[in-house]
């Protein structure tokens, strides 16, 4: 039988009524002839509650016990989903990560999937089981302890199962009905995209779009898993949702497909750093070791052997970055005259595979922002993306101006 993976996020299984609604969608796919692997998240709010309990008991917790606690939310949902399907007459059973097994690395709290042997689930399908309900977000490490994959890990679980089980498609059910040209809460003219390439979705996810977890898109691109983003609260039709697929499946790409933003960015500048070979490595190695997620990097023109180095990072990592750089300065590995942190900026980006064959995207972007009086602080580009840092107070204005400039209201 053809196989399908269906993933339901926390809002889609927030209570028994929503679990029943999700189960009816699964039942329809079974009746259409599929063997289905259902990946479930914890019920909405449950993971936060479990994390809170761990923090209250042990602020400096054992990461292995943290995983044992926070993974339990998905186990509850999986069992309830399997029971609901059984009550509907659908042969189903629940699986925890270790039972499959979902083999992961030993990085508790941020494990990565290494292998999902399909044999156990395939054997149950052969015996007549129609639905395997698998707890997302979790696996088992080399130490034989439960691991978790980090926030949003159920998306990654779903894509990994689609690849391992050679599923026809992976449907991600969430509280939105697809991928939009930008956030509809900011731009009312935003339009749902029928299709988007893996590359574009990966950029949008990494730049702030919350529809799919970045690692799940990376995995889908690597194994060519066709992803479909759907709403749990609407009936599915042929035109429902957004298909994330290979570029070859898209008839004609628009120059720009979407505008993304990240509100919580900071711009950090090292003032008057020695301009010498190896200085970049001396700066960014301690930042990497401190777990600072550096994004945009700009080095100014050197004068008299000194230069300024600017980079961006999430606002909640500024203190960590300052500490790492101060320690590096104290050790004498780098020398600078000052460190300036600007926490009142945001990142706004335009993304589109059509940029590869069209010139002038950056100029058009800069003209649109200039027309609205939005000053650009930092610019970075890639083959299919242009990103800028601007003052946070201009974020919504910048998103709206760029959406208009590239006529994304006509997207489909």
Protein backbone atom coordinates (compact mmCIF):
# COMPACT_ATOMS: atom_id res chain seq x y z
CA UNK A 1 0.00 0.00 0.00
CA UNK A 2 1.20 3.56 -0.60
CA UNK A 3 2.28 5.33 2.56
CA UNK A 4 1.54 8.81 3.80
CA UNK A 5 2.95 10.73 6.77
CA UNK A 6 0.62 13.14 8.56
CA UNK A 7 1.93 15.42 11.30
CA UNK A 8 -0.32 17.28 13.73
CA UNK A 9 1.08 20.15 15.79
CA UNK A 10 0.11 21.16 19.31
CA UNK A 11 -2.81 23.40 18.39
CA UNK A 12 -4.18 20.63 16.15
CA UNK A 13 -4.36 18.21 19.11
CA UNK A 14 -4.99 20.75 21.89
CA UNK A 15 -7.97 18.83 23.35
CA UNK A 16 -10.03 15.69 22.77
CA UNK A 17 -12.30 17.42 20.24
CA UNK A 18 -9.33 18.49 18.14
CA UNK A 19 -7.75 15.05 18.39
CA UNK A 20 -11.03 13.61 17.07
CA UNK A 21 -11.00 16.16 14.24
CA UNK A 22 -7.44 15.15 13.32
CA UNK A 23 -8.38 11.47 13.54
CA UNK A 24 -11.18 11.99 11.01
CA UNK A 25 -8.62 13.40 8.56
CA UNK A 26 -6.47 10.33 9.11
CA UNK A 27 -9.48 8.05 8.62
CA UNK A 28 -10.22 9.66 5.23
CA UNK A 29 -6.67 8.96 4.05
CA UNK A 30 -6.93 5.34 5.21
CA UNK A 31 -10.20 5.02 3.30
CA UNK A 32 -8.38 6.43 0.24
CA UNK A 33 -6.00 3.49 0.35
CA UNK A 34 -3.02 4.68 2.36
CA UNK A 35 -1.10 3.14 5.21
CA UNK A 36 -0.53 6.18 7.43
CA UNK A 37 2.20 7.19 9.85
CA UNK A 38 0.83 9.92 12.13
CA UNK A 39 3.35 12.08 13.99
CA UNK A 40 1.92 14.01 16.93
CA UNK A 41 3.15 16.86 19.09
CA UNK A 42 2.23 17.35 22.72
CA UNK A 43 -1.13 19.02 23.34
CA UNK A 44 -0.87 22.82 23.10
CA UNK A 45 0.89 24.32 26.13
CA UNK A 46 1.85 20.97 27.63
CA UNK A 47 5.56 21.08 26.74
CA UNK A 48 5.89 24.55 28.29
CA UNK A 49 4.22 23.24 31.43
CA UNK A 50 6.60 20.27 31.61
CA UNK A 51 9.65 22.49 31.05
CA UNK A 52 8.39 24.76 33.84
CA UNK A 53 8.15 21.82 36.21
CA UNK A 54 11.72 20.76 35.42
CA UNK A 55 13.02 24.31 35.97
CA UNK A 56 11.14 24.56 39.27
CA UNK A 57 12.61 21.30 40.57
CA UNK A 58 16.15 21.69 39.23
CA UNK A 59 17.33 24.90 37.52
CA UNK A 60 20.66 23.18 36.75
CA UNK A 61 18.95 20.03 35.58
CA UNK A 62 20.33 16.74 34.29
CA UNK A 63 19.60 16.94 30.54
CA UNK A 64 18.78 13.23 30.41
CA UNK A 65 16.04 13.60 33.00
CA UNK A 66 14.84 16.78 31.28
CA UNK A 67 14.28 14.72 28.12
CA UNK A 68 12.50 11.99 30.08
CA UNK A 69 10.02 14.56 31.43
CA UNK A 70 9.40 16.85 28.46
CA UNK A 71 9.00 13.97 25.97
CA UNK A 72 6.05 12.61 27.94
CA UNK A 73 3.61 15.10 26.43
CA UNK A 74 3.89 13.47 23.00
CA UNK A 75 3.36 10.02 24.54
CA UNK A 76 -0.01 11.11 25.93
CA UNK A 77 -1.14 12.54 22.58
CA UNK A 78 -0.05 9.43 20.68
CA UNK A 79 -2.01 7.15 22.98
CA UNK A 80 -5.13 9.32 22.81
CA UNK A 81 -4.93 9.53 19.01
CA UNK A 82 -4.58 5.75 18.70
CA UNK A 83 -7.55 5.20 21.02
CA UNK A 84 -9.66 7.69 19.06
CA UNK A 85 -8.85 5.96 15.76
CA UNK A 86 -9.65 2.57 17.26
CA UNK A 87 -13.07 3.90 18.36
CA UNK A 88 -13.63 4.91 14.71
CA UNK A 89 -12.87 1.37 13.60
CA UNK A 90 -9.40 2.16 12.23
CA UNK A 91 -6.68 -0.39 13.18
CA UNK A 92 -4.11 1.81 14.92
CA UNK A 93 -1.51 1.65 17.66
CA UNK A 94 0.81 4.16 19.30
CA UNK A 95 4.60 4.11 19.21
CA UNK A 96 7.09 5.91 21.39
CA UNK A 97 10.40 6.90 19.82
CA UNK A 98 12.38 4.09 21.44
CA UNK A 99 9.91 1.46 20.20
CA UNK A 100 10.39 2.25 16.50
CA UNK A 101 13.33 2.92 17.22
CA UNK A 102 14.18 6.51 16.28
CA UNK A 103 17.96 6.41 16.71
CA UNK A 104 19.54 9.76 17.56
CA UNK A 105 22.77 11.34 18.69
CA UNK A 106 23.46 11.70 22.40
CA UNK A 107 22.93 15.50 22.51
CA UNK A 108 20.10 15.53 25.03
CA UNK A 109 17.69 18.39 24.41
CA UNK A 110 19.01 18.94 20.87
CA UNK A 111 19.55 15.47 19.42
CA UNK A 112 19.71 14.77 15.69
CA UNK A 113 18.10 11.76 14.03
CA UNK A 114 20.66 9.27 12.69
CA UNK A 115 18.48 6.36 11.58
CA UNK A 116 14.89 5.09 11.57
CA UNK A 117 14.83 1.37 10.73
CA UNK A 118 11.45 0.77 9.03
CA UNK A 119 11.19 -2.93 9.89
CA UNK A 120 9.04 -2.81 13.04
CA UNK A 121 6.37 -0.52 11.65
CA UNK A 122 6.43 -2.23 8.22
CA UNK A 123 5.84 -5.59 9.90
CA UNK A 124 2.77 -4.22 11.71
CA UNK A 125 1.41 -2.77 8.46
CA UNK A 126 1.81 -6.24 6.92
CA UNK A 127 -0.23 -7.67 9.81
CA UNK A 128 -3.13 -5.32 9.11
CA UNK A 129 -2.37 -2.20 11.11
CA UNK A 130 -3.44 0.84 9.08
CA UNK A 131 -2.12 3.69 11.23
CA UNK A 132 1.09 3.99 13.25
CA UNK A 133 0.74 6.91 15.66
CA UNK A 134 4.28 7.98 16.59
CA UNK A 135 5.24 10.40 19.34
CA UNK A 136 7.18 13.19 17.66
CA UNK A 137 10.11 15.19 19.06
CA UNK A 138 11.76 12.15 20.67
CA UNK A 139 14.11 9.26 20.07
CA UNK A 140 16.68 7.09 21.78
CA UNK A 141 20.39 7.84 22.09
CA UNK A 142 23.45 5.57 22.07
CA UNK A 143 23.30 5.57 25.88
CA UNK A 144 19.85 3.94 25.63
CA UNK A 145 18.21 7.01 27.16
CA UNK A 146 15.30 9.03 25.77
CA UNK A 147 16.38 12.07 23.75
CA UNK A 148 14.48 15.08 22.42
CA UNK A 149 15.14 16.95 19.18
CA UNK A 150 14.65 20.55 20.29
CA UNK A 151 11.64 22.81 19.83
CA UNK A 152 9.77 22.12 16.60
CA UNK A 153 11.31 18.66 16.52
CA UNK A 154 8.06 16.94 15.54
CA UNK A 155 8.34 18.50 12.07
CA UNK A 156 11.76 16.91 11.74
CA UNK A 157 10.40 13.58 13.00
CA UNK A 158 7.69 13.65 10.34
CA UNK A 159 10.06 14.34 7.45
CA UNK A 160 12.52 11.72 8.68
CA UNK A 161 9.74 9.11 8.77
CA UNK A 162 8.61 10.08 5.27
CA UNK A 163 12.15 9.49 4.02
CA UNK A 164 12.67 6.26 5.98
CA UNK A 165 9.29 4.77 5.08
CA UNK A 166 9.42 5.99 1.45
CA UNK A 167 6.15 7.83 1.87
CA UNK A 168 4.40 9.42 -1.08
CA UNK A 169 4.15 12.73 0.78
CA UNK A 170 4.43 14.34 4.21
CA UNK A 171 1.46 16.49 5.24
CA UNK A 172 2.11 19.00 8.04
CA UNK A 173 -1.16 20.05 9.70
CA UNK A 174 -0.99 23.26 11.67
CA UNK A 175 -3.08 26.32 12.57
CA UNK A 176 -2.39 28.11 9.26
CA UNK A 177 -3.60 27.04 5.83
CA UNK A 178 -0.28 27.26 4.02
CA UNK A 179 2.81 29.34 3.37
CA UNK A 180 2.09 33.01 2.69
CA UNK A 181 4.02 35.69 0.81
CA UNK A 182 4.49 37.31 4.23
CA UNK A 183 2.83 37.39 7.64
CA UNK A 184 -0.89 38.17 7.04
CA UNK A 185 -1.00 39.85 10.46
CA UNK A 186 1.34 42.54 9.13
CA UNK A 187 0.26 42.72 5.48
CA UNK A 188 -3.43 42.10 4.78
CA UNK A 189 -2.66 41.66 1.07
CA UNK A 190 -0.48 38.61 1.75
CA UNK A 191 -1.38 35.64 -0.43
CA UNK A 192 -1.08 31.89 0.08
CA UNK A 193 1.42 30.23 -2.23
CA UNK A 194 0.33 27.08 -4.07
CA UNK A 195 3.93 25.86 -4.34
CA UNK A 196 7.32 26.92 -3.01
CA UNK A 197 10.75 25.40 -3.57
CA UNK A 198 12.76 23.74 -0.83
CA UNK A 199 15.43 26.45 -1.14
CA UNK A 200 12.92 29.27 -0.71
CA UNK A 201 11.18 27.59 2.21
CA UNK A 202 14.51 26.93 3.90
CA UNK A 203 15.46 30.60 3.59
CA UNK A 204 12.06 31.78 4.84
CA UNK A 205 12.16 29.36 7.78
CA UNK A 206 15.69 30.42 8.77
CA UNK A 207 14.80 34.10 8.39
CA UNK A 208 11.89 34.07 10.79
CA UNK A 209 8.88 32.42 9.12
CA UNK A 210 7.41 30.07 11.76
CA UNK A 211 5.46 27.71 9.50
CA UNK A 212 8.07 24.93 9.36
CA UNK A 213 11.10 24.15 11.46
CA UNK A 214 14.36 24.80 9.57
CA UNK A 215 15.83 21.33 10.18
CA UNK A 216 12.72 19.67 8.76
CA UNK A 217 13.05 21.63 5.50
CA UNK A 218 16.77 20.77 5.27
CA UNK A 219 15.89 17.10 5.65
CA UNK A 220 13.08 17.29 3.10
CA UNK A 221 15.41 18.92 0.57
CA UNK A 222 18.13 16.32 1.12
CA UNK A 223 15.80 13.34 0.65
CA UNK A 224 13.37 15.01 -1.82
CA UNK A 225 10.39 14.53 0.50
CA UNK A 226 7.37 16.39 -0.85
CA UNK A 227 5.90 18.47 1.99
CA UNK A 228 2.41 19.92 2.14
CA UNK A 229 1.44 22.54 4.75
CA UNK A 230 -2.27 22.41 5.62
CA UNK A 231 -4.74 23.74 8.15
CA UNK A 232 -6.15 21.28 10.66
CA UNK A 233 -9.34 23.30 10.83
CA UNK A 234 -10.38 23.27 7.16
CA UNK A 235 -11.55 20.54 4.82
CA UNK A 236 -8.80 19.40 2.47
CA UNK A 237 -9.32 19.96 -1.27
CA UNK A 238 -7.03 19.72 -4.30
CA UNK A 239 -6.06 23.39 -3.88
CA UNK A 240 -5.56 23.25 -0.11
CA UNK A 241 -2.30 24.22 1.51
CA UNK A 242 1.13 24.86 0.07
CA UNK A 243 3.33 22.20 -1.50
CA UNK A 244 7.05 22.44 -0.68
CA UNK A 245 8.83 20.69 -3.52
CA UNK A 246 11.78 20.65 -5.90
CA UNK A 247 12.31 23.70 -8.09
CA UNK A 248 11.62 21.56 -11.18
CA UNK A 249 8.01 21.06 -10.06
CA UNK A 250 7.31 24.81 -10.19
CA UNK A 251 6.22 25.95 -13.65
CA UNK A 252 7.52 29.52 -13.51
CA UNK A 253 9.17 31.12 -10.51
CA UNK A 254 8.43 34.67 -9.47
CA UNK A 255 11.46 36.86 -8.93
CA UNK A 256 10.52 37.20 -5.25
CA UNK A 257 8.26 34.68 -3.51
CA UNK A 258 8.11 36.09 -0.01
CA UNK A 259 9.13 38.68 2.54
CA UNK A 260 10.38 37.40 5.90
CA UNK A 261 11.28 39.23 9.07
CA UNK A 262 12.96 38.53 12.38
CA UNK A 263 12.00 40.95 15.13
CA UNK A 264 14.49 39.96 17.82
CA UNK A 265 17.81 40.82 16.20
CA UNK A 266 20.76 42.77 17.58
CA UNK A 267 23.59 44.53 15.77
CA UNK A 268 26.97 44.28 17.49
CA UNK A 269 30.05 46.26 16.45
CA UNK A 270 33.62 45.76 17.55
CA UNK A 271 35.23 49.18 17.24
CA UNK A 272 38.84 49.48 16.08
CA UNK A 273 40.00 45.89 15.78
CA UNK A 274 43.49 45.09 14.53
CA UNK A 275 43.25 44.43 10.78
CA UNK A 276 45.48 41.37 10.38
CA UNK A 277 45.25 37.83 8.98
CA UNK A 278 43.25 35.58 11.32
CA UNK A 279 41.36 38.36 13.10
CA UNK A 280 37.97 37.10 11.86
CA UNK A 281 38.73 33.62 13.19
CA UNK A 282 39.89 35.11 16.50
CA UNK A 283 36.57 36.94 16.85
CA UNK A 284 34.10 34.35 15.66
CA UNK A 285 35.66 31.21 17.15
CA UNK A 286 34.90 32.20 20.78
CA UNK A 287 31.43 33.30 19.70
CA UNK A 288 30.81 29.89 18.15
CA UNK A 289 32.15 28.13 21.24
CA UNK A 290 29.75 30.21 23.35
CA UNK A 291 26.80 29.10 21.21
CA UNK A 292 26.16 32.54 19.69
CA UNK A 293 24.25 32.28 16.41
CA UNK A 294 25.98 34.88 14.24
CA UNK A 295 24.22 35.84 11.04
CA UNK A 296 25.15 38.97 9.07
CA UNK A 297 28.83 39.99 9.09
CA UNK A 298 30.29 43.23 7.72
CA UNK A 299 33.89 44.45 7.96
CA UNK A 300 34.57 48.13 7.36
CA UNK A 301 37.46 49.60 5.36
CA UNK A 302 40.77 49.44 7.20
CA UNK A 303 42.46 52.67 8.29
CA UNK A 304 45.94 52.70 9.83
CA UNK A 305 45.79 48.97 10.49
CA UNK A 306 42.48 49.11 12.41
CA UNK A 307 38.97 48.21 11.29
CA UNK A 308 35.42 47.84 12.64
CA UNK A 309 33.66 44.47 12.58
CA UNK A 310 29.84 44.32 12.70
CA UNK A 311 27.66 41.24 13.06
CA UNK A 312 24.09 40.38 13.99
CA UNK A 313 22.78 37.82 16.47
CA UNK A 314 19.54 37.14 18.38
CA UNK A 315 18.88 39.68 21.13
CA UNK A 316 18.78 36.97 23.80
CA UNK A 317 22.38 36.04 22.93
CA UNK A 318 23.89 39.52 23.30
CA UNK A 319 25.03 39.00 26.90
CA UNK A 320 26.63 35.68 25.96
CA UNK A 321 28.40 37.34 23.00
CA UNK A 322 29.67 40.21 25.17
CA UNK A 323 31.05 37.77 27.74
CA UNK A 324 32.79 35.65 25.08
CA UNK A 325 34.42 38.67 23.46
CA UNK A 326 35.46 40.19 26.79
CA UNK A 327 37.12 36.91 27.75
CA UNK A 328 38.91 36.73 24.39
CA UNK A 329 40.14 40.30 24.90
CA UNK A 330 41.37 39.47 28.41
CA UNK A 331 43.33 36.52 27.00
CA UNK A 332 44.90 38.80 24.43
CA UNK A 333 43.60 36.88 21.40
CA UNK A 334 41.77 39.99 20.15
CA UNK A 335 42.06 43.67 20.91
CA UNK A 336 39.36 46.28 20.32
CA UNK A 337 38.56 49.74 21.60
CA UNK A 338 34.85 49.28 22.17
CA UNK A 339 31.86 46.96 21.80
CA UNK A 340 28.53 48.52 20.82
CA UNK A 341 25.29 46.51 21.00
CA UNK A 342 22.16 47.84 19.29
CA UNK A 343 19.14 45.79 20.36
CA UNK A 344 16.57 47.96 18.57
CA UNK A 345 16.93 46.49 15.08
CA UNK A 346 15.15 43.84 13.05
CA UNK A 347 16.00 41.83 9.96
CA UNK A 348 13.82 42.05 6.85
CA UNK A 349 14.48 39.81 3.83
CA UNK A 350 13.16 39.13 0.35
CA UNK A 351 13.48 35.56 -0.94
CA UNK A 352 12.99 34.04 -4.38
CA UNK A 353 14.65 31.50 -6.67
CA UNK A 354 13.78 33.83 -9.54
CA UNK A 355 16.60 36.11 -8.36
CA UNK A 356 19.06 33.74 -10.03
CA UNK A 357 17.96 34.90 -13.47
CA UNK A 358 16.81 38.47 -12.76
CA UNK A 359 19.06 41.44 -12.04
CA UNK A 360 18.09 44.50 -10.03
CA UNK A 361 16.30 42.89 -7.09
CA UNK A 362 18.53 44.55 -4.51
CA UNK A 363 18.19 47.96 -6.19
CA UNK A 364 14.41 47.63 -6.26
CA UNK A 365 14.40 46.64 -2.59
CA UNK A 366 16.59 49.56 -1.55
CA UNK A 367 14.50 52.03 -3.58
CA UNK A 368 11.30 50.83 -1.92
CA UNK A 369 12.78 51.26 1.56
CA UNK A 370 14.27 54.66 0.70
CA UNK A 371 10.89 55.87 -0.54
CA UNK A 372 9.46 55.12 2.93
CA UNK A 373 12.38 56.78 4.74
CA UNK A 374 13.71 53.49 6.12
CA UNK A 375 17.46 53.60 6.72
CA UNK A 376 19.46 50.42 6.09
CA UNK A 377 22.13 49.56 8.68
CA UNK A 378 23.53 46.27 7.32
CA UNK A 379 23.06 44.37 4.05
CA UNK A 380 23.79 40.74 3.15
CA UNK A 381 22.93 38.78 0.02
CA UNK A 382 22.92 35.23 -1.28
CA UNK A 383 21.86 33.67 -4.55
CA UNK A 384 18.16 33.76 -3.66
CA UNK A 385 17.98 36.25 -0.76
CA UNK A 386 18.65 39.85 0.17
CA UNK A 387 18.52 40.76 3.89
CA UNK A 388 18.81 44.11 5.62
CA UNK A 389 18.93 45.29 9.22
CA UNK A 390 16.72 48.30 9.94
CA UNK A 391 15.40 50.02 13.06
CA UNK A 392 12.76 47.80 14.67
CA UNK A 393 10.17 50.58 14.67
CA UNK A 394 10.15 50.41 10.85
CA UNK A 395 9.68 46.63 10.62
CA UNK A 396 6.02 46.55 9.63
CA UNK A 397 6.44 49.48 7.25
CA UNK A 398 9.42 47.77 5.59
CA UNK A 399 7.55 44.48 5.15
CA UNK A 400 4.53 46.24 3.63
CA UNK A 401 6.66 48.38 1.33
CA UNK A 402 8.57 45.37 -0.02
CA UNK A 403 5.40 43.32 -0.44
CA UNK A 404 4.00 46.13 -2.59
CA UNK A 405 7.25 46.76 -4.48
CA UNK A 406 7.44 43.15 -5.70
CA UNK A 407 3.65 42.93 -6.30
CA UNK A 408 3.33 39.84 -4.12
CA UNK A 409 -0.43 40.34 -3.76
CA UNK A 410 -0.59 38.71 -7.21
CA UNK A 411 1.26 35.59 -6.03
CA UNK A 412 -0.39 32.21 -6.19
